[in-house]
Protein backbone atom coordinates (compact mmCIF):
# COMPACT_ATOMS: atom_id res chain seq x y z
CA UNK A 1 80.52 22.71 40.46
CA UNK A 2 78.56 19.68 39.83
CA UNK A 3 76.52 19.86 36.23
CA UNK A 4 73.99 17.09 36.77
CA UNK A 5 71.36 15.30 38.58
CA UNK A 6 71.10 11.90 37.43
CA UNK A 7 67.64 10.02 37.09
CA UNK A 8 67.16 6.44 37.40
CA UNK A 9 63.70 5.66 35.96
CA UNK A 10 62.94 2.04 36.58
CA UNK A 11 59.90 1.14 34.74
CA UNK A 12 57.79 -2.08 33.80
CA UNK A 13 59.40 -2.69 30.60
CA UNK A 14 62.68 -0.92 30.67
CA UNK A 15 65.23 0.95 32.68
CA UNK A 16 66.30 4.31 31.91
CA UNK A 17 69.06 7.01 33.03
CA UNK A 18 68.88 10.56 32.17
CA UNK A 19 71.19 13.43 32.80
CA UNK A 20 69.31 16.48 34.03
CA UNK A 21 71.15 19.90 34.01
CA UNK A 22 70.64 22.95 36.10
CA UNK A 23 68.30 24.53 33.52
CA UNK A 24 66.17 21.39 34.06
CA UNK A 25 66.75 20.12 30.39
CA UNK A 26 67.50 16.28 29.62
CA UNK A 27 70.90 16.32 27.96
CA UNK A 28 71.20 12.56 27.67
CA UNK A 29 69.18 9.45 28.03
CA UNK A 30 69.88 5.59 27.89
CA UNK A 31 67.61 2.62 28.08
CA UNK A 32 67.51 -0.95 27.89
CA UNK A 33 64.53 -3.19 28.11
CA UNK A 34 64.47 -6.18 30.00
CA UNK A 35 62.12 -9.59 29.81
CA UNK A 36 58.34 -10.00 30.82
CA UNK A 37 57.77 -13.61 32.44
CA UNK A 38 54.37 -14.77 32.06
CA UNK A 39 54.47 -18.31 33.53
CA UNK A 40 50.84 -18.75 34.13
CA UNK A 41 47.40 -17.16 32.79
CA UNK A 42 47.33 -13.68 34.85
CA UNK A 43 50.74 -14.03 36.14
CA UNK A 44 53.64 -11.79 35.59
CA UNK A 45 56.81 -11.60 36.97
CA UNK A 46 60.12 -9.74 36.54
CA UNK A 47 63.70 -11.04 37.21
CA UNK A 48 64.85 -8.40 39.96
CA UNK A 49 68.68 -9.25 39.25
CA UNK A 50 67.93 -8.16 35.50
CA UNK A 51 66.27 -5.29 36.56
CA UNK A 52 69.43 -4.11 38.67
CA UNK A 53 71.82 -5.03 35.77
CA UNK A 54 69.79 -2.97 33.27
CA UNK A 55 69.69 -0.05 35.48
CA UNK A 56 73.43 0.01 36.67
CA UNK A 57 74.26 -0.40 32.60
CA UNK A 58 72.29 2.62 31.58
CA UNK A 59 73.57 4.46 34.66
CA UNK A 60 76.94 3.33 33.51
CA UNK A 61 76.36 3.98 29.70
CA UNK A 62 75.01 7.19 29.86
CA UNK A 63 77.94 8.82 32.30
CA UNK A 64 80.36 7.29 29.89
CA UNK A 65 78.48 8.45 26.64
CA UNK A 66 78.51 11.88 27.96
CA UNK A 67 81.99 11.73 29.63
CA UNK A 68 80.42 12.34 33.18
CA UNK A 69 82.89 12.26 36.01
CA UNK A 70 81.48 11.56 39.68
CA UNK A 71 82.39 15.04 40.36
CA UNK A 72 79.90 16.39 37.96
CA UNK A 73 77.06 14.47 39.48
CA UNK A 74 75.28 16.38 42.22
CA UNK A 75 72.85 13.65 43.23
CA UNK A 76 70.63 10.66 41.93
CA UNK A 77 67.08 10.54 42.15
CA UNK A 78 64.86 7.24 41.50
CA UNK A 79 61.50 6.83 40.19
CA UNK A 80 60.01 3.50 39.77
CA UNK A 81 57.13 1.07 38.81
CA UNK A 82 54.97 0.92 41.89
CA UNK A 83 53.53 -2.07 43.61
CA UNK A 84 56.09 -4.70 42.20
CA UNK A 85 57.26 -6.86 45.01
CA UNK A 86 60.93 -8.06 45.69
CA UNK A 87 61.94 -10.39 48.59
CA UNK A 88 65.60 -11.03 49.00
CA UNK A 89 68.18 -12.69 51.35
CA UNK A 90 69.68 -9.93 53.34
CA UNK A 91 73.21 -11.99 53.91
CA UNK A 92 73.40 -13.07 49.91
CA UNK A 93 71.52 -10.08 48.20
CA UNK A 94 69.96 -13.08 46.22
CA UNK A 95 65.95 -12.67 45.52
CA UNK A 96 64.15 -15.63 46.92
CA UNK A 97 61.99 -15.75 43.82
CA UNK A 98 60.88 -13.67 40.61
CA UNK A 99 59.64 -10.36 41.44
CA UNK A 100 55.77 -10.28 41.26
CA UNK A 101 54.67 -7.39 39.00
CA UNK A 102 51.90 -4.91 39.76
CA UNK A 103 49.79 -6.38 36.98
CA UNK A 104 50.11 -10.15 38.34
CA UNK A 105 46.60 -11.35 39.50
CA UNK A 106 47.66 -14.63 41.02
CA UNK A 107 46.89 -13.31 44.79
CA UNK A 108 43.28 -12.12 44.03
CA UNK A 109 42.06 -15.32 45.85
CA UNK A 110 44.15 -13.91 48.90
CA UNK A 111 42.29 -10.47 48.81
CA UNK A 112 38.94 -12.50 48.63
CA UNK A 113 39.46 -14.71 51.35
CA UNK A 114 41.12 -11.97 53.64
CA UNK A 115 39.03 -8.98 52.89
CA UNK A 116 35.37 -10.49 52.16
CA UNK A 117 33.95 -8.69 55.09
CA UNK A 118 32.79 -5.19 53.75
CA UNK A 119 33.40 -3.75 57.31
CA UNK A 120 37.00 -4.82 56.91
CA UNK A 121 37.42 -3.53 53.45
CA UNK A 122 36.21 0.01 54.81
CA UNK A 123 38.76 -0.14 57.67
CA UNK A 124 41.56 -1.00 55.14
CA UNK A 125 40.45 2.18 52.91
CA UNK A 126 40.23 4.14 55.76
CA UNK A 127 44.10 3.41 56.86
CA UNK A 128 45.49 2.94 53.43
CA UNK A 129 43.34 5.26 50.87
CA UNK A 130 43.39 2.03 48.66
CA UNK A 131 40.60 -0.47 47.49
CA UNK A 132 41.69 -3.75 48.65
CA UNK A 133 42.93 -5.46 45.68
CA UNK A 134 45.68 -7.66 44.45
CA UNK A 135 47.17 -4.83 42.40
CA UNK A 136 49.14 -3.52 45.56
CA UNK A 137 51.97 -5.11 47.42
CA UNK A 138 50.53 -6.81 50.61
CA UNK A 139 49.32 -10.05 49.18
CA UNK A 140 52.20 -10.42 46.97
CA UNK A 141 54.30 -10.37 50.13
CA UNK A 142 51.91 -12.94 51.79
CA UNK A 143 51.97 -15.29 48.76
CA UNK A 144 55.85 -15.11 48.62
CA UNK A 145 56.03 -16.23 52.14
CA UNK A 146 53.46 -19.06 51.94
CA UNK A 147 54.89 -20.32 48.53
CA UNK A 148 58.59 -20.32 48.65
CA UNK A 149 59.91 -23.05 50.98
CA UNK A 150 61.68 -21.84 54.24
CA UNK A 151 60.89 -18.17 53.31
CA UNK A 152 58.32 -17.40 55.98
CA UNK A 153 60.86 -19.10 58.80
CA UNK A 154 63.66 -17.04 57.15
CA UNK A 155 61.58 -13.72 57.37
CA UNK A 156 60.92 -14.45 61.14
CA UNK A 157 64.31 -14.63 61.70
CA UNK A 158 65.12 -11.41 60.27
CA UNK A 159 66.97 -12.54 57.12
CA UNK A 160 64.23 -11.94 54.57
CA UNK A 161 63.99 -8.51 53.43
CA UNK A 162 61.03 -6.69 51.46
CA UNK A 163 61.04 -4.07 49.30
CA UNK A 164 59.30 -2.30 45.96
CA UNK A 165 61.83 -1.77 43.24
CA UNK A 166 63.29 1.61 44.65
CA UNK A 167 64.25 -0.08 47.77
CA UNK A 168 65.86 -2.89 45.76
CA UNK A 169 67.89 -0.60 43.82
CA UNK A 170 68.67 1.77 46.83
CA UNK A 171 69.87 -1.53 49.20
CA UNK A 172 72.21 -2.49 46.18
CA UNK A 173 73.44 0.95 45.01
CA UNK A 174 74.58 1.68 48.79
CA UNK A 175 76.24 -1.62 49.12
CA UNK A 176 73.45 -3.24 51.56
CA UNK A 177 73.76 -0.23 54.04
CA UNK A 178 70.39 1.49 53.58
CA UNK A 179 67.04 -0.57 53.55
CA UNK A 180 64.69 2.34 52.73
CA UNK A 181 61.55 3.64 50.94
CA UNK A 182 59.80 7.03 50.60
CA UNK A 183 56.26 7.63 51.29
CA UNK A 184 54.70 7.32 48.14
CA UNK A 185 55.88 4.02 47.46
CA UNK A 186 54.94 2.73 50.80
CA UNK A 187 51.52 4.22 50.51
CA UNK A 188 51.12 1.59 47.75
CA UNK A 189 51.85 -1.42 49.77
CA UNK A 190 48.36 -1.64 51.54
CA UNK A 191 50.19 -2.22 54.68
CA UNK A 192 50.98 1.53 55.33
CA UNK A 193 48.99 3.97 57.30
CA UNK A 194 48.85 7.28 55.24
CA UNK A 195 47.41 9.36 58.10
CA UNK A 196 50.00 8.28 60.84
CA UNK A 197 52.83 7.83 58.19
CA UNK A 198 53.99 4.47 59.39
CA UNK A 199 53.67 0.70 59.06
CA UNK A 200 50.24 -0.59 60.18
CA UNK A 201 50.38 -3.45 62.75
CA UNK A 202 46.92 -4.95 62.30
CA UNK A 203 47.28 -4.88 58.64
CA UNK A 204 50.61 -6.68 58.84
CA UNK A 205 48.92 -9.15 61.24
CA UNK A 206 46.28 -9.65 58.64
CA UNK A 207 48.34 -10.13 55.66
CA UNK A 208 51.08 -12.21 58.21
CA UNK A 209 53.98 -10.00 56.98
CA UNK A 210 56.50 -9.96 59.85
CA UNK A 211 57.29 -6.07 60.21
CA UNK A 212 61.00 -6.76 60.36
CA UNK A 213 61.26 -7.53 56.83
CA UNK A 214 59.81 -3.82 55.93
CA UNK A 215 62.06 -0.93 55.14
CA UNK A 216 62.48 2.43 56.78
CA UNK A 217 60.24 4.96 55.45
CA UNK A 218 61.69 8.50 54.37
CA UNK A 219 60.53 11.63 52.86
CA UNK A 220 60.83 11.58 48.79
CA UNK A 221 63.36 14.19 49.12
CA UNK A 222 65.78 13.51 51.53
CA UNK A 223 68.97 11.30 51.96
CA UNK A 224 68.82 7.63 51.09
CA UNK A 225 72.89 7.13 51.65
CA UNK A 226 75.77 7.18 48.96
CA UNK A 227 76.45 4.75 46.02
CA UNK A 228 79.17 2.07 47.09
CA UNK A 229 81.62 0.55 44.31
CA UNK A 230 79.63 -2.78 44.10
CA UNK A 231 76.41 -4.10 44.61
CA UNK A 232 75.65 -6.98 47.00
CA UNK A 233 73.59 -8.80 44.22
CA UNK A 234 76.67 -8.89 42.08
CA UNK A 235 77.70 -12.44 43.62
CA UNK A 236 74.38 -13.87 42.46
CA UNK A 237 74.71 -12.02 38.95
CA UNK A 238 74.07 -15.55 36.93
CA UNK A 239 74.22 -14.57 32.83
CA UNK A 240 73.50 -10.51 34.06
CA UNK A 241 76.41 -8.10 33.87
CA UNK A 242 76.95 -5.52 36.71
CA UNK A 243 78.93 -2.91 35.74
CA UNK A 244 81.05 -0.85 38.43
CA UNK A 245 79.69 2.45 39.52
CA UNK A 246 81.38 5.51 41.14
CA UNK A 247 81.35 5.53 44.76
CA UNK A 248 80.07 8.23 46.84
CA UNK A 249 77.10 9.73 44.93
CA UNK A 250 74.45 10.71 47.19
CA UNK A 251 70.93 9.25 46.55
CA UNK A 252 68.23 12.16 47.67
CA UNK A 253 65.12 11.73 45.42
CA UNK A 254 62.81 8.69 45.46
CA UNK A 255 59.12 8.59 44.31
CA UNK A 256 56.76 6.04 42.85
CA UNK A 257 55.99 6.94 38.95
CA UNK A 258 52.95 8.69 38.81
CA UNK A 259 53.71 10.71 41.94
CA UNK A 260 56.94 11.51 40.45
CA UNK A 261 55.39 12.74 37.35
CA UNK A 262 52.97 14.67 39.57
CA UNK A 263 55.99 16.40 40.98
CA UNK A 264 57.69 16.70 37.61
CA UNK A 265 55.08 18.56 36.40
CA UNK A 266 55.35 21.09 39.16
CA UNK A 267 51.93 20.20 40.45
CA UNK A 268 52.57 20.89 44.23
CA UNK A 269 49.59 22.93 45.47
CA UNK A 270 46.11 21.85 46.13
CA UNK A 271 43.92 21.39 42.96
CA UNK A 272 46.94 21.03 40.59
CA UNK A 273 46.43 17.88 38.39
CA UNK A 274 48.13 15.78 35.79
CA UNK A 275 47.32 13.12 33.52
CA UNK A 276 49.52 10.64 31.85
CA UNK A 277 48.52 9.14 28.66
CA UNK A 278 50.15 5.79 28.53
CA UNK A 279 49.23 2.09 27.92
CA UNK A 280 46.74 3.54 30.49
CA UNK A 281 45.68 6.76 32.03
CA UNK A 282 46.76 8.11 35.30
CA UNK A 283 45.03 11.21 36.87
CA UNK A 284 46.38 12.59 39.97
CA UNK A 285 45.38 15.98 41.99
CA UNK A 286 47.48 17.43 44.76
CA UNK A 287 45.15 17.80 47.55
CA UNK A 288 47.87 19.21 50.01
CA UNK A 289 47.55 18.06 53.61
CA UNK A 290 44.29 16.65 53.33
CA UNK A 291 43.67 13.11 52.57
CA UNK A 292 40.82 13.18 51.03
CA UNK A 293 38.39 9.86 51.26
CA UNK A 294 36.87 9.33 47.77
CA UNK A 295 32.95 8.87 47.45
CA UNK A 296 33.33 8.05 43.69
CA UNK A 297 35.65 4.75 43.69
CA UNK A 298 39.16 6.57 43.31
CA UNK A 299 42.27 6.23 45.78
CA UNK A 300 43.98 8.09 47.96
CA UNK A 301 47.86 8.20 47.97
CA UNK A 302 50.65 10.28 49.34
CA UNK A 303 52.28 12.77 47.25
CA UNK A 304 55.89 13.69 46.89
CA UNK A 305 56.75 16.88 48.88
CA UNK A 306 59.56 19.29 48.37
CA UNK A 307 61.81 19.82 51.42
CA UNK A 308 60.66 21.77 54.15
CA UNK A 309 56.96 21.21 53.88
CA UNK A 310 55.45 20.38 57.23
CA UNK A 311 53.46 16.97 57.46
CA UNK A 312 52.26 14.64 54.85
CA UNK A 313 50.74 15.81 51.41
CA UNK A 314 48.36 13.80 49.61
CA UNK A 315 46.78 13.02 46.11
CA UNK A 316 43.60 11.84 44.75
CA UNK A 317 44.29 9.07 42.09
CA UNK A 318 42.32 7.21 39.00
CA UNK A 319 43.30 5.14 36.39
CA UNK A 320 41.71 4.07 33.03
CA UNK A 321 42.77 0.47 32.06
CA UNK A 322 42.77 1.18 28.25
CA UNK A 323 44.24 4.45 26.60
CA UNK A 324 47.24 3.85 24.47
CA UNK A 325 46.35 0.38 24.19
CA UNK A 326 43.30 1.00 22.58
CA UNK A 327 45.19 2.94 19.64
CA UNK A 328 47.46 -0.20 19.62
CA UNK A 329 44.35 -2.61 19.27
CA UNK A 330 43.63 -0.71 16.20
CA UNK A 331 46.79 -0.63 14.89
CA UNK A 332 47.58 -4.48 15.79
CA UNK A 333 44.30 -6.46 15.47
CA UNK A 334 41.94 -4.30 13.51
CA UNK A 335 44.55 -3.06 10.99
CA UNK A 336 42.74 0.17 10.86
CA UNK A 337 46.13 2.19 10.78
CA UNK A 338 49.44 1.47 10.25
CA UNK A 339 51.01 3.55 13.21
CA UNK A 340 49.85 5.51 16.32
CA UNK A 341 50.59 8.84 14.83
CA UNK A 342 48.22 7.95 11.68
CA UNK A 343 45.31 8.10 13.85
CA UNK A 344 45.34 11.99 14.32
CA UNK A 345 45.19 12.43 10.60
CA UNK A 346 42.24 10.19 10.27
CA UNK A 347 40.68 11.70 13.12
CA UNK A 348 40.51 14.96 11.53
CA UNK A 349 39.47 13.75 8.14
CA UNK A 350 35.88 13.45 9.31
CA UNK A 351 33.79 16.40 11.39
CA UNK A 352 32.72 13.90 14.12
CA UNK A 353 32.21 10.44 14.59
CA UNK A 354 28.62 10.01 12.98
CA UNK A 355 27.28 8.82 16.17
CA UNK A 356 29.81 6.00 16.94
CA UNK A 357 31.28 5.51 20.46
CA UNK A 358 33.53 2.90 21.48
CA UNK A 359 33.47 1.85 25.33
CA UNK A 360 37.09 0.04 25.58
CA UNK A 361 36.12 -2.25 28.41
CA UNK A 362 38.34 -5.08 26.99
CA UNK A 363 39.35 -6.05 30.79
CA UNK A 364 36.33 -4.55 32.34
CA UNK A 365 35.64 -0.57 33.41
CA UNK A 366 37.79 0.88 36.14
CA UNK A 367 37.49 3.82 38.03
CA UNK A 368 34.89 5.01 38.71
CA UNK A 369 32.72 2.24 37.81
CA UNK A 370 34.77 -0.71 38.77
CA UNK A 371 33.06 -3.46 36.66
CA UNK A 372 35.26 -6.32 36.00
CA UNK A 373 32.65 -8.42 34.12
CA UNK A 374 31.95 -5.50 31.61
CA UNK A 375 33.43 -6.04 28.00
CA UNK A 376 34.37 -3.63 24.94
CA UNK A 377 31.74 -2.62 22.57
CA UNK A 378 31.08 0.02 19.79
CA UNK A 379 27.78 1.39 19.43
CA UNK A 380 25.97 3.63 16.85
CA UNK A 381 27.19 1.84 13.83
CA UNK A 382 25.42 2.45 10.81
CA UNK A 383 26.34 1.80 7.13
CA UNK A 384 27.79 5.18 6.49
CA UNK A 385 30.14 4.72 9.36
CA UNK A 386 33.66 4.31 8.22
CA UNK A 387 37.29 3.63 9.31
CA UNK A 388 37.94 7.19 9.93
CA UNK A 389 34.86 7.40 12.19
CA UNK A 390 35.86 4.57 14.37
CA UNK A 391 39.19 5.66 14.73
CA UNK A 392 38.18 9.05 15.95
CA UNK A 393 35.65 7.29 18.17
CA UNK A 394 38.54 5.48 19.71
CA UNK A 395 40.70 8.74 20.40
CA UNK A 396 37.41 10.41 22.18
CA UNK A 397 36.95 7.38 23.98
CA UNK A 398 40.07 8.08 25.88
CA UNK A 399 39.03 11.78 26.40
CA UNK A 400 35.82 10.44 27.89
CA UNK A 401 37.30 8.01 30.38
CA UNK A 402 39.67 11.02 31.51
CA UNK A 403 36.33 13.07 31.87
CA UNK A 404 34.81 10.65 34.25
CA UNK A 405 37.76 10.37 36.43
CA UNK A 406 38.18 14.07 36.46
CA UNK A 407 34.25 14.62 37.36
CA UNK A 408 34.61 12.05 40.36
CA UNK A 409 37.89 13.78 41.27
CA UNK A 410 36.15 17.36 41.67
CA UNK A 411 33.29 16.02 43.30
CA UNK A 412 35.59 14.26 45.95
CA UNK A 413 38.03 17.30 46.26
CA UNK A 414 35.23 20.19 46.15
CA UNK A 415 37.84 21.81 43.82
CA UNK A 416 37.33 22.93 39.89
CA UNK A 417 40.42 22.15 37.90
CA UNK A 418 41.01 25.21 35.52
CA UNK A 419 44.58 23.78 34.24
CA UNK A 420 45.48 20.00 33.90
CA UNK A 421 49.18 19.14 32.96
CA UNK A 422 49.57 16.46 30.62
CA UNK A 423 52.37 13.59 29.49
CA UNK A 424 52.78 10.47 28.18
CA UNK A 425 52.97 9.20 24.43
CA UNK A 426 49.21 10.06 23.58
CA UNK A 427 49.69 13.68 24.63
CA UNK A 428 51.54 14.34 21.38
CA UNK A 429 48.47 13.88 19.67
CA UNK A 430 47.14 17.32 19.11
CA UNK A 431 43.53 16.19 17.98
CA UNK A 432 43.06 13.99 21.28
CA UNK A 433 44.59 16.98 23.25
CA UNK A 434 41.96 19.82 21.82
CA UNK A 435 39.00 17.34 21.92
CA UNK A 436 40.07 16.52 26.03
CA UNK A 437 40.21 20.33 26.47
CA UNK A 438 36.95 20.75 24.90
CA UNK A 439 35.33 17.84 26.54
CA UNK A 440 36.50 18.89 30.10
CA UNK A 441 35.99 22.62 29.58
CA UNK A 442 39.21 23.46 30.98
CA UNK A 443 43.11 24.23 29.54
CA UNK A 444 45.37 21.72 28.99
CA UNK A 445 49.06 22.50 29.11
CA UNK A 446 51.98 20.14 27.57
CA UNK A 447 55.48 20.85 28.60
CA UNK A 448 58.34 20.73 26.33
CA UNK A 449 60.06 18.20 28.50
CA UNK A 450 58.11 15.08 27.97
CA UNK A 451 60.50 13.41 30.51
CA UNK A 452 57.99 14.32 33.42
CA UNK A 453 58.53 11.18 35.61
CA UNK A 454 62.04 11.13 35.50
CA UNK A 455 62.33 15.10 35.96
CA UNK A 456 60.26 14.57 39.27
CA UNK A 457 62.65 12.24 40.77
CA UNK A 458 65.84 14.80 39.57
CA UNK A 459 63.80 17.44 41.39
CA UNK A 460 63.23 15.91 44.57
CA UNK A 461 66.84 15.06 44.48
CA UNK A 462 68.38 18.34 43.40
CA UNK A 463 66.22 20.20 45.70
CA UNK A 464 67.25 18.44 48.61
CA UNK A 465 71.09 18.78 47.79
CA UNK A 466 70.30 22.65 46.85
CA UNK A 467 71.22 22.12 43.43
CA UNK A 468 67.93 24.03 42.45
CA UNK A 469 67.13 26.44 45.48
CA UNK A 470 63.48 25.75 45.55
CA UNK A 471 60.11 24.99 43.50
CA UNK A 472 59.90 28.69 42.16
CA UNK A 473 63.16 28.37 40.30
CA UNK A 474 62.14 24.94 38.93
CA UNK A 475 58.53 26.56 37.77
CA UNK A 476 60.78 29.69 36.08
CA UNK A 477 62.67 27.12 33.88
CA UNK A 478 59.87 24.87 32.87
CA UNK A 479 59.18 25.54 29.13
CA UNK A 480 55.36 24.83 27.96
CA UNK A 481 55.25 23.69 24.42
CA UNK A 482 51.54 24.00 23.85
CA UNK A 483 48.50 25.01 25.52
CA UNK A 484 44.77 23.63 24.40
CA UNK A 485 41.86 25.84 25.61
CA UNK A 486 38.25 24.84 25.11
CA UNK A 487 36.34 25.58 22.04
CA UNK A 488 33.82 23.88 22.49
CA UNK A 489 30.15 25.31 23.53
CA UNK A 490 28.19 23.88 26.66
CA UNK A 491 25.51 22.57 24.86
CA UNK A 492 27.62 20.59 22.42
CA UNK A 493 29.57 19.32 25.35
CA UNK A 494 26.38 18.07 27.32
CA UNK A 495 25.23 16.24 23.88
CA UNK A 496 28.47 14.15 23.59
CA UNK A 497 28.88 13.44 27.36
CA UNK A 498 25.22 12.35 27.37
CA UNK A 499 25.74 9.98 24.80
CA UNK A 500 28.86 8.64 26.14
CA UNK A 501 26.94 8.13 29.75
CA UNK A 502 24.09 6.21 27.69
CA UNK A 503 26.94 3.91 26.07
CA UNK A 504 28.56 3.30 29.59
CA UNK A 505 25.23 2.25 31.26
CA UNK A 506 24.46 -0.15 28.47
CA UNK A 507 27.76 -1.90 28.92
CA UNK A 508 27.89 -2.11 32.85
CA UNK A 509 27.05 -5.71 33.91
CA UNK A 510 25.24 -4.39 36.90
CA UNK A 511 22.94 -2.20 35.03
CA UNK A 512 19.45 -3.42 33.74
CA UNK A 513 19.25 -2.46 30.04
CA UNK A 514 15.43 -1.53 29.04
């Protein structure tokens, strides 16, 4: 009997492989970082061959280190950085250019030109659930086809394939046999009709993307082929190593990282919500079979579903630009703390912020404000304000931003969130988690397994194969490490939120300050 499901977690800065056993416990992890490339201001690129090399290497290493035989592996699940775009030659497996990363802003002029008409922007949002932006894959594909010599002609001839990172990995792992993605990743391309569940003809025409280069779209928990003994891109390896991998292991789970984390937190019912505290914050609420159109500048996306679910399932999503990055700023730029963990001790050393608020709009304000010109500010400074007050204000700023997202999400969905599942690096900060529970007025639950993103991919794969019977079995094995209940009275909460809202309004560039 097989012992493990392997999760491949391909992130923005590293590739990881994790062994997950039948008790849903991570038994082994291997990780490799890879290069970030910034060829011009605002441009961010990855080498897709390096991504593939690091992902195969950690897969090989974790199996070798723990003496895992191919027969020990039930299935592979894949989760990935979303929106990042790879185009490659279907005959050779060689990428035609560096991958354009989700963070890259080079294609903003394409969006400004093609999506200038407000009516067209509304039509795009109606079909895709997304707010037209260079963040998503459509304009990245268009840029590559227009700027790589011969690319458009080759794509029209059927010789160029497109994929987000999951598709690139699947194609190579299966020896070039399977060109596919899942619904969650497809829904982040801005070329996919999330209601019809298919690629959208008129959006492909708008961005001049040949439909022949798009992958087949499958449910997140389904069969994506089996591993081959070698990968097609190995012939283009250059300086990268491509270790051999066992053939015949089925790939049965695929989801974009945030939808995978939602699934890994067992948030599979309408009203279930999770927040990931990373460099930024990603708040997602499951909305069942209803694709709720946000009235508060959130996006609607497809959620990963367990096997046997009828129709597509959806989630509302909101993101905060500066979360853990704000704490890094305190450490690296202001030198106020020596480590991120020191922030908790300092925050607890004072009873409050003494009226200090930080609005971390370093790269503008994200959802629900979407003010790209706003810039960061510190308010309420007095002669008595000290380092501890500023550090505490920074931690509280994370919670206030999540509160803004939650308020918008609850208004859109008409469902009150009683329990919020939390994960990510900053979720280890007990002060922040308690303040978050206080300011939301709800319960926070932090699982013992911090690897919720990888767990989601593993669960999707193992549910398809029967490694786990159903979600109830997985929930029964889920271990909760800590629960945070609100301890703040309503009057104090309202007072703090009023102060935050005032600071936000003073920061926004489209507001008139009296």
